[in-house]
Amino acid sequence: MRKLWRRGKFHLSALVMLVPLPFLPDYFSPKPIFVPPEIRRDVAVGPFPVTLATYDEAPARMPTGERMKEYRIHIRPADIDRVRGVFLRVGKPRSLRTAGALAFGNPYEREADVTVPDELAGTEELWVTMEDWSGGVHQASLPLGEIFGGKR
């Protein structure tokens, strides 16, 4: 029995090495890369002109059940030293504490993941709140349909 197991162990390990071989052609074959078109809108938030950008795709459903949409905020190089924070939110924020998702990333192009309601009436607005280093808060809004993308 011991001799049979030693011989079988050798053949079993060889078999385990050969099982993935039929899948290798699919692994190395080139796959088409699909990048959805980008939607860009310019908006003036107080004294700061910024550009909002997103991909033309539907919001992603997170494991928690909420829908999230990623936006990128491009700030002019001349304004980078003046901007302290950029926040995005669907619906008007009541205060700076509820300003929405804080944009993160490099100073020239920041990203924010915004929570999108499940049911959209079509009258929602995306609010951009910017805070400068002197404590000033500037807000602007644009219709969510202009910068939403994808299926609602």
N, C-alpha and C. Protein backbone atom coordinates (compact mmCIF):
# COMPACT_ATOMS: atom_id res chain seq x y z
N MET A 1 0.82 -1.20 0.00
CA MET A 1 0.00 0.00 0.00
C MET A 1 0.86 1.26 0.00
N ARG A 2 1.96 1.22 0.81
CA ARG A 2 2.84 2.38 0.89
C ARG A 2 3.48 2.67 -0.47
N LYS A 3 3.89 1.63 -1.19
CA LYS A 3 4.51 1.80 -2.51
C LYS A 3 3.51 2.37 -3.51
N LEU A 4 2.26 1.93 -3.42
CA LEU A 4 1.20 2.44 -4.30
C LEU A 4 0.94 3.93 -4.04
N TRP A 5 0.95 4.34 -2.77
CA TRP A 5 0.73 5.75 -2.44
C TRP A 5 1.86 6.63 -2.95
N ARG A 6 3.11 6.17 -2.83
CA ARG A 6 4.23 6.96 -3.31
C ARG A 6 4.15 7.15 -4.83
N ARG A 7 3.82 6.11 -5.53
CA ARG A 7 3.70 6.21 -6.98
C ARG A 7 2.49 7.08 -7.35
N GLY A 8 1.37 6.90 -6.64
CA GLY A 8 0.17 7.69 -6.92
C GLY A 8 0.36 9.16 -6.59
N LYS A 9 1.12 9.44 -5.53
CA LYS A 9 1.40 10.83 -5.15
C LYS A 9 2.16 11.54 -6.26
N PHE A 10 3.12 10.86 -6.86
CA PHE A 10 3.88 11.44 -7.96
C PHE A 10 2.97 11.75 -9.14
N HIS A 11 2.12 10.81 -9.52
CA HIS A 11 1.24 11.01 -10.67
C HIS A 11 0.17 12.08 -10.37
N LEU A 12 -0.30 12.13 -9.16
CA LEU A 12 -1.28 13.13 -8.77
C LEU A 12 -0.69 14.54 -8.85
N SER A 13 0.54 14.71 -8.41
CA SER A 13 1.17 16.03 -8.49
C SER A 13 1.40 16.44 -9.94
N ALA A 14 1.74 15.49 -10.80
CA ALA A 14 1.90 15.80 -12.23
C ALA A 14 0.56 16.20 -12.84
N LEU A 15 -0.50 15.53 -12.44
CA LEU A 15 -1.83 15.87 -12.94
C LEU A 15 -2.25 17.27 -12.51
N VAL A 16 -1.96 17.63 -11.26
CA VAL A 16 -2.30 18.97 -10.76
C VAL A 16 -1.55 20.04 -11.54
N MET A 17 -0.35 19.75 -11.98
CA MET A 17 0.42 20.71 -12.77
C MET A 17 -0.14 20.84 -14.20
N LEU A 18 -0.77 19.80 -14.72
CA LEU A 18 -1.25 19.82 -16.09
C LEU A 18 -2.69 20.34 -16.22
N VAL A 19 -3.46 20.36 -15.17
CA VAL A 19 -4.86 20.78 -15.24
C VAL A 19 -5.03 22.20 -15.76
N PRO A 20 -4.25 23.21 -15.37
CA PRO A 20 -4.47 24.57 -15.85
C PRO A 20 -4.09 24.81 -17.31
N LEU A 21 -3.36 23.91 -17.93
CA LEU A 21 -2.88 24.13 -19.30
C LEU A 21 -3.98 24.45 -20.31
N PRO A 22 -5.16 23.79 -20.30
CA PRO A 22 -6.18 24.14 -21.28
C PRO A 22 -6.69 25.58 -21.15
N PHE A 23 -6.52 26.20 -19.99
CA PHE A 23 -7.04 27.55 -19.78
C PHE A 23 -6.03 28.64 -20.14
N LEU A 24 -4.79 28.30 -20.38
CA LEU A 24 -3.76 29.29 -20.67
C LEU A 24 -4.00 30.09 -21.96
N PRO A 25 -4.49 29.49 -23.04
CA PRO A 25 -4.73 30.31 -24.24
C PRO A 25 -5.71 31.46 -23.98
N ASP A 26 -6.74 31.24 -23.18
CA ASP A 26 -7.66 32.33 -22.86
C ASP A 26 -6.99 33.38 -21.98
N TYR A 27 -6.09 32.95 -21.15
CA TYR A 27 -5.41 33.88 -20.25
C TYR A 27 -4.50 34.84 -21.03
N PHE A 28 -3.82 34.33 -22.04
CA PHE A 28 -2.88 35.15 -22.78
C PHE A 28 -3.47 35.82 -24.01
N SER A 29 -4.69 35.48 -24.38
CA SER A 29 -5.28 36.10 -25.57
C SER A 29 -5.62 37.56 -25.29
N PRO A 30 -5.43 38.44 -26.26
CA PRO A 30 -5.73 39.86 -26.02
C PRO A 30 -7.24 40.08 -25.88
N LYS A 31 -7.59 40.87 -24.90
CA LYS A 31 -9.00 41.17 -24.65
C LYS A 31 -9.27 42.62 -25.04
N PRO A 32 -10.41 42.87 -25.63
CA PRO A 32 -10.70 44.26 -25.98
C PRO A 32 -10.90 45.10 -24.73
N ILE A 33 -10.34 46.30 -24.76
CA ILE A 33 -10.47 47.22 -23.64
C ILE A 33 -11.53 48.24 -24.01
N PHE A 34 -12.60 48.27 -23.21
CA PHE A 34 -13.69 49.19 -23.47
C PHE A 34 -13.63 50.30 -22.43
N VAL A 35 -13.47 51.51 -22.91
CA VAL A 35 -13.50 52.68 -22.03
C VAL A 35 -14.68 53.53 -22.47
N PRO A 36 -15.67 53.71 -21.59
CA PRO A 36 -16.82 54.51 -21.98
C PRO A 36 -16.41 55.97 -22.20
N PRO A 37 -17.16 56.70 -23.02
CA PRO A 37 -16.82 58.10 -23.25
C PRO A 37 -16.96 58.91 -21.97
N GLU A 38 -16.25 60.02 -21.95
CA GLU A 38 -16.22 60.86 -20.76
C GLU A 38 -17.16 62.05 -20.92
N ILE A 39 -17.83 62.42 -19.84
CA ILE A 39 -18.68 63.61 -19.81
C ILE A 39 -17.95 64.66 -19.00
N ARG A 40 -17.80 65.86 -19.55
CA ARG A 40 -17.10 66.95 -18.86
C ARG A 40 -17.99 68.19 -18.87
N ARG A 41 -18.04 68.87 -17.72
CA ARG A 41 -18.79 70.12 -17.60
C ARG A 41 -17.97 71.12 -16.80
N ASP A 42 -17.94 72.35 -17.27
CA ASP A 42 -17.28 73.44 -16.56
C ASP A 42 -18.30 74.12 -15.67
N VAL A 43 -17.89 74.45 -14.45
CA VAL A 43 -18.77 75.12 -13.50
C VAL A 43 -17.92 76.09 -12.68
N ALA A 44 -18.49 77.25 -12.39
CA ALA A 44 -17.81 78.25 -11.57
C ALA A 44 -18.32 78.12 -10.14
N VAL A 45 -17.43 77.78 -9.23
CA VAL A 45 -17.77 77.65 -7.82
C VAL A 45 -17.17 78.86 -7.11
N GLY A 46 -17.97 79.91 -6.98
CA GLY A 46 -17.44 81.16 -6.44
C GLY A 46 -16.35 81.68 -7.36
N PRO A 47 -15.17 81.98 -6.84
CA PRO A 47 -14.09 82.48 -7.69
C PRO A 47 -13.29 81.37 -8.37
N PHE A 48 -13.67 80.12 -8.17
CA PHE A 48 -12.89 79.00 -8.70
C PHE A 48 -13.60 78.34 -9.88
N PRO A 49 -13.07 78.47 -11.09
CA PRO A 49 -13.63 77.70 -12.21
C PRO A 49 -13.05 76.28 -12.18
N VAL A 50 -13.92 75.28 -12.15
CA VAL A 50 -13.49 73.89 -12.12
C VAL A 50 -14.19 73.12 -13.24
N THR A 51 -13.65 71.96 -13.54
CA THR A 51 -14.24 71.06 -14.53
C THR A 51 -14.59 69.75 -13.84
N LEU A 52 -15.83 69.34 -13.97
CA LEU A 52 -16.28 68.04 -13.45
C LEU A 52 -16.25 67.03 -14.59
N ALA A 53 -15.77 65.85 -14.31
CA ALA A 53 -15.69 64.81 -15.34
C ALA A 53 -16.13 63.48 -14.74
N THR A 54 -16.79 62.68 -15.56
CA THR A 54 -17.17 61.32 -15.17
C THR A 54 -17.30 60.49 -16.43
N TYR A 55 -17.30 59.18 -16.26
CA TYR A 55 -17.51 58.30 -17.40
C TYR A 55 -19.01 58.12 -17.64
N ASP A 56 -19.36 57.93 -18.91
CA ASP A 56 -20.76 57.76 -19.29
C ASP A 56 -21.17 56.31 -19.03
N GLU A 57 -21.37 56.01 -17.73
CA GLU A 57 -21.80 54.69 -17.33
C GLU A 57 -22.68 54.82 -16.10
N ALA A 58 -23.46 53.80 -15.85
CA ALA A 58 -24.38 53.82 -14.72
C ALA A 58 -23.62 53.74 -13.41
N PRO A 59 -24.21 54.24 -12.32
CA PRO A 59 -23.55 54.13 -11.01
C PRO A 59 -23.37 52.67 -10.61
N ALA A 60 -22.29 52.42 -9.90
CA ALA A 60 -21.99 51.06 -9.45
C ALA A 60 -22.72 50.78 -8.14
N ARG A 61 -23.21 49.57 -8.01
CA ARG A 61 -23.88 49.14 -6.78
C ARG A 61 -22.81 48.60 -5.83
N MET A 62 -22.71 49.18 -4.66
CA MET A 62 -21.73 48.77 -3.65
C MET A 62 -22.26 47.57 -2.85
N PRO A 63 -21.39 46.86 -2.15
CA PRO A 63 -21.85 45.73 -1.34
C PRO A 63 -22.83 46.14 -0.24
N THR A 64 -22.80 47.40 0.16
CA THR A 64 -23.74 47.89 1.18
C THR A 64 -25.12 48.17 0.61
N GLY A 65 -25.26 48.13 -0.71
CA GLY A 65 -26.55 48.33 -1.35
C GLY A 65 -26.75 49.71 -1.95
N GLU A 66 -25.88 50.66 -1.63
CA GLU A 66 -26.05 52.01 -2.18
C GLU A 66 -25.36 52.12 -3.53
N ARG A 67 -25.85 53.05 -4.33
CA ARG A 67 -25.27 53.29 -5.65
C ARG A 67 -24.26 54.42 -5.55
N MET A 68 -23.08 54.22 -6.15
CA MET A 68 -22.02 55.22 -6.09
C MET A 68 -21.59 55.59 -7.51
N LYS A 69 -21.31 56.87 -7.69
CA LYS A 69 -20.84 57.37 -8.98
C LYS A 69 -19.54 58.14 -8.72
N GLU A 70 -18.52 57.87 -9.52
CA GLU A 70 -17.23 58.51 -9.34
C GLU A 70 -17.13 59.75 -10.22
N TYR A 71 -16.71 60.85 -9.61
CA TYR A 71 -16.50 62.11 -10.32
C TYR A 71 -15.07 62.57 -10.09
N ARG A 72 -14.52 63.23 -11.10
CA ARG A 72 -13.20 63.84 -11.00
C ARG A 72 -13.35 65.35 -11.11
N ILE A 73 -12.63 66.07 -10.28
CA ILE A 73 -12.69 67.54 -10.26
C ILE A 73 -11.33 68.07 -10.67
N HIS A 74 -11.29 68.82 -11.77
CA HIS A 74 -10.06 69.43 -12.26
C HIS A 74 -10.04 70.89 -11.81
N ILE A 75 -8.98 71.27 -11.11
CA ILE A 75 -8.83 72.63 -10.61
C ILE A 75 -7.71 73.30 -11.39
N ARG A 76 -7.89 74.59 -11.69
CA ARG A 76 -6.85 75.33 -12.40
C ARG A 76 -5.57 75.38 -11.57
N PRO A 77 -4.41 75.30 -12.20
CA PRO A 77 -3.14 75.36 -11.45
C PRO A 77 -2.99 76.62 -10.61
N ALA A 78 -3.55 77.74 -11.07
CA ALA A 78 -3.43 78.99 -10.31
C ALA A 78 -4.23 78.96 -9.02
N ASP A 79 -5.25 78.11 -8.93
CA ASP A 79 -6.13 78.06 -7.76
C ASP A 79 -5.79 76.95 -6.77
N ILE A 80 -4.84 76.11 -7.08
CA ILE A 80 -4.57 74.95 -6.24
C ILE A 80 -4.16 75.35 -4.82
N ASP A 81 -3.33 76.37 -4.68
CA ASP A 81 -2.87 76.79 -3.35
C ASP A 81 -3.97 77.45 -2.54
N ARG A 82 -5.04 77.85 -3.18
CA ARG A 82 -6.13 78.54 -2.48
C ARG A 82 -7.23 77.60 -2.01
N VAL A 83 -7.32 76.41 -2.60
CA VAL A 83 -8.41 75.48 -2.29
C VAL A 83 -8.01 74.55 -1.15
N ARG A 84 -8.83 74.51 -0.13
CA ARG A 84 -8.59 73.62 1.01
C ARG A 84 -9.29 72.28 0.84
N GLY A 85 -10.54 72.30 0.38
CA GLY A 85 -11.29 71.06 0.20
C GLY A 85 -12.39 71.22 -0.82
N VAL A 86 -12.72 70.11 -1.47
CA VAL A 86 -13.80 70.08 -2.46
C VAL A 86 -14.74 68.95 -2.06
N PHE A 87 -16.03 69.26 -2.01
CA PHE A 87 -17.05 68.29 -1.61
C PHE A 87 -18.10 68.18 -2.71
N LEU A 88 -18.60 66.97 -2.94
CA LEU A 88 -19.68 66.74 -3.91
C LEU A 88 -20.83 66.04 -3.21
N ARG A 89 -22.05 66.42 -3.58
CA ARG A 89 -23.24 65.82 -2.97
C ARG A 89 -24.42 65.97 -3.91
N VAL A 90 -25.29 64.96 -3.93
CA VAL A 90 -26.56 65.07 -4.65
C VAL A 90 -27.56 65.66 -3.66
N GLY A 91 -28.10 66.81 -4.00
CA GLY A 91 -29.00 67.53 -3.10
C GLY A 91 -28.23 68.62 -2.36
N LYS A 92 -28.94 69.69 -2.03
CA LYS A 92 -28.30 70.84 -1.40
C LYS A 92 -27.86 70.51 0.03
N PRO A 93 -26.58 70.76 0.34
CA PRO A 93 -26.11 70.51 1.71
C PRO A 93 -26.63 71.58 2.66
N ARG A 94 -26.97 71.16 3.89
CA ARG A 94 -27.48 72.11 4.88
C ARG A 94 -26.35 72.90 5.53
N SER A 95 -25.18 72.29 5.65
CA SER A 95 -24.04 72.96 6.27
C SER A 95 -22.76 72.32 5.75
N LEU A 96 -21.62 72.83 6.20
CA LEU A 96 -20.35 72.26 5.77
C LEU A 96 -20.16 70.85 6.32
N ARG A 97 -20.81 70.53 7.43
CA ARG A 97 -20.72 69.18 7.99
C ARG A 97 -21.42 68.15 7.10
N THR A 98 -22.42 68.59 6.35
CA THR A 98 -23.15 67.68 5.45
C THR A 98 -22.86 68.03 4.00
N ALA A 99 -21.64 68.49 3.73
CA ALA A 99 -21.29 68.95 2.39
C ALA A 99 -21.17 67.81 1.39
N GLY A 100 -21.04 66.59 1.86
CA GLY A 100 -20.98 65.46 0.94
C GLY A 100 -19.64 64.76 0.97
N ALA A 101 -19.31 64.13 -0.15
CA ALA A 101 -18.08 63.34 -0.25
C ALA A 101 -16.90 64.27 -0.48
N LEU A 102 -15.88 64.11 0.35
CA LEU A 102 -14.66 64.89 0.22
C LEU A 102 -13.83 64.34 -0.92
N ALA A 103 -13.42 65.22 -1.82
CA ALA A 103 -12.60 64.80 -2.95
C ALA A 103 -11.18 64.56 -2.48
N PHE A 104 -10.55 63.53 -3.01
CA PHE A 104 -9.20 63.16 -2.61
C PHE A 104 -8.34 62.99 -3.85
N GLY A 105 -7.05 62.89 -3.67
CA GLY A 105 -6.15 62.66 -4.79
C GLY A 105 -5.16 63.79 -4.93
N ASN A 106 -4.56 63.88 -6.11
CA ASN A 106 -3.56 64.92 -6.31
C ASN A 106 -4.25 66.28 -6.45
N PRO A 107 -3.55 67.36 -6.21
CA PRO A 107 -4.20 68.68 -6.21
C PRO A 107 -4.80 69.08 -7.55
N TYR A 108 -4.28 68.59 -8.66
CA TYR A 108 -4.77 68.99 -9.97
C TYR A 108 -6.04 68.25 -10.38
N GLU A 109 -6.14 66.99 -9.96
CA GLU A 109 -7.31 66.19 -10.31
C GLU A 109 -7.73 65.39 -9.09
N ARG A 110 -8.81 65.81 -8.48
CA ARG A 110 -9.29 65.11 -7.29
C ARG A 110 -10.48 64.24 -7.67
N GLU A 111 -10.71 63.19 -6.89
CA GLU A 111 -11.80 62.26 -7.15
C GLU A 111 -12.72 62.19 -5.95
N ALA A 112 -14.01 61.97 -6.22
CA ALA A 112 -14.98 61.80 -5.15
C ALA A 112 -16.01 60.76 -5.58
N ASP A 113 -16.37 59.88 -4.66
CA ASP A 113 -17.42 58.89 -4.90
C ASP A 113 -18.70 59.40 -4.25
N VAL A 114 -19.68 59.72 -5.08
CA VAL A 114 -20.92 60.34 -4.62
C VAL A 114 -22.03 59.29 -4.53
N THR A 115 -22.74 59.30 -3.41
CA THR A 115 -23.89 58.41 -3.25
C THR A 115 -25.06 58.95 -4.06
N VAL A 116 -25.65 58.10 -4.88
CA VAL A 116 -26.76 58.49 -5.74
C VAL A 116 -28.01 57.77 -5.25
N PRO A 117 -29.15 58.49 -5.11
CA PRO A 117 -30.38 57.82 -4.67
C PRO A 117 -30.83 56.77 -5.68
N ASP A 118 -31.54 55.76 -5.19
CA ASP A 118 -32.03 54.70 -6.06
C ASP A 118 -33.07 55.21 -7.05
N GLU A 119 -33.97 56.03 -6.58
CA GLU A 119 -35.03 56.59 -7.43
C GLU A 119 -34.72 58.05 -7.72
N LEU A 120 -34.60 58.38 -8.99
CA LEU A 120 -34.31 59.75 -9.39
C LEU A 120 -35.54 60.36 -10.05
N ALA A 121 -35.91 61.55 -9.60
CA ALA A 121 -37.08 62.22 -10.16
C ALA A 121 -36.74 63.04 -11.40
N GLY A 122 -35.45 63.30 -11.60
CA GLY A 122 -35.04 64.10 -12.75
C GLY A 122 -34.80 65.56 -12.40
N THR A 123 -35.10 65.96 -11.17
CA THR A 123 -34.89 67.35 -10.76
C THR A 123 -33.72 67.48 -9.79
N GLU A 124 -32.99 66.40 -9.55
CA GLU A 124 -31.88 66.44 -8.61
C GLU A 124 -30.74 67.28 -9.15
N GLU A 125 -29.97 67.83 -8.23
CA GLU A 125 -28.82 68.64 -8.59
C GLU A 125 -27.58 68.11 -7.90
N LEU A 126 -26.45 68.21 -8.60
CA LEU A 126 -25.16 67.86 -8.02
C LEU A 126 -24.55 69.16 -7.49
N TRP A 127 -24.31 69.21 -6.18
CA TRP A 127 -23.78 70.40 -5.54
C TRP A 127 -22.28 70.24 -5.32
N VAL A 128 -21.54 71.26 -5.71
CA VAL A 128 -20.10 71.32 -5.51
C VAL A 128 -19.84 72.37 -4.45
N THR A 129 -19.21 71.98 -3.36
CA THR A 129 -18.86 72.91 -2.28
C THR A 129 -17.35 72.97 -2.18
N MET A 130 -16.81 74.18 -2.22
CA MET A 130 -15.37 74.37 -2.11
C MET A 130 -15.09 75.26 -0.91
N GLU A 131 -14.07 74.86 -0.15
CA GLU A 131 -13.65 75.65 0.99
C GLU A 131 -12.24 76.15 0.71
N ASP A 132 -12.01 77.45 0.94
CA ASP A 132 -10.66 77.98 0.75
C ASP A 132 -9.96 78.07 2.11
N TRP A 133 -8.68 78.42 2.08
CA TRP A 133 -7.88 78.43 3.30
C TRP A 133 -8.25 79.56 4.25
N SER A 134 -8.97 80.56 3.79
CA SER A 134 -9.39 81.63 4.69
C SER A 134 -10.71 81.29 5.38
N GLY A 135 -11.27 80.12 5.10
CA GLY A 135 -12.51 79.68 5.74
C GLY A 135 -13.75 79.98 4.92
N GLY A 136 -13.61 80.59 3.77
CA GLY A 136 -14.74 80.89 2.90
C GLY A 136 -15.28 79.63 2.25
N VAL A 137 -16.61 79.56 2.18
CA VAL A 137 -17.27 78.41 1.56
C VAL A 137 -18.02 78.89 0.33
N HIS A 138 -17.77 78.24 -0.79
CA HIS A 138 -18.40 78.60 -2.07
C HIS A 138 -19.13 77.37 -2.59
N GLN A 139 -20.34 77.61 -3.12
CA GLN A 139 -21.14 76.50 -3.63
C GLN A 139 -21.67 76.80 -5.03
N ALA A 140 -21.86 75.75 -5.77
CA ALA A 140 -22.49 75.83 -7.08
C ALA A 140 -23.22 74.51 -7.32
N SER A 141 -24.21 74.56 -8.18
CA SER A 141 -24.95 73.33 -8.50
C SER A 141 -25.18 73.27 -9.99
N LEU A 142 -25.38 72.07 -10.46
CA LEU A 142 -25.79 71.86 -11.84
C LEU A 142 -26.70 70.66 -11.86
N PRO A 143 -27.63 70.61 -12.80
CA PRO A 143 -28.56 69.48 -12.86
C PRO A 143 -27.81 68.16 -12.97
N LEU A 144 -28.24 67.19 -12.22
CA LEU A 144 -27.56 65.90 -12.19
C LEU A 144 -27.60 65.23 -13.56
N GLY A 145 -28.65 65.48 -14.33
CA GLY A 145 -28.75 64.87 -15.66
C GLY A 145 -27.65 65.29 -16.60
N GLU A 146 -27.06 66.48 -16.40
CA GLU A 146 -25.99 66.95 -17.28
C GLU A 146 -24.68 66.22 -17.04
N ILE A 147 -24.45 65.75 -15.84
CA ILE A 147 -23.17 65.15 -15.49
C ILE A 147 -23.35 63.76 -14.91
N PHE A 148 -24.46 63.10 -15.20
CA PHE A 148 -24.74 61.80 -14.61
C PHE A 148 -24.17 60.67 -15.45
N GLY A 149 -24.60 60.56 -16.68
CA GLY A 149 -24.13 59.50 -17.55
C GLY A 149 -24.81 58.17 -17.24
N GLY A 150 -24.82 57.30 -18.21
CA GLY A 150 -25.36 55.96 -18.02
C GLY A 150 -26.87 55.95 -17.88
N LYS A 151 -27.39 54.79 -17.58
CA LYS A 151 -28.83 54.63 -17.38
C LYS A 151 -29.20 55.03 -15.98
N ARG A 152 -30.35 55.61 -15.84
CA ARG A 152 -30.80 56.02 -14.51
C ARG A 152 -31.63 54.95 -13.97
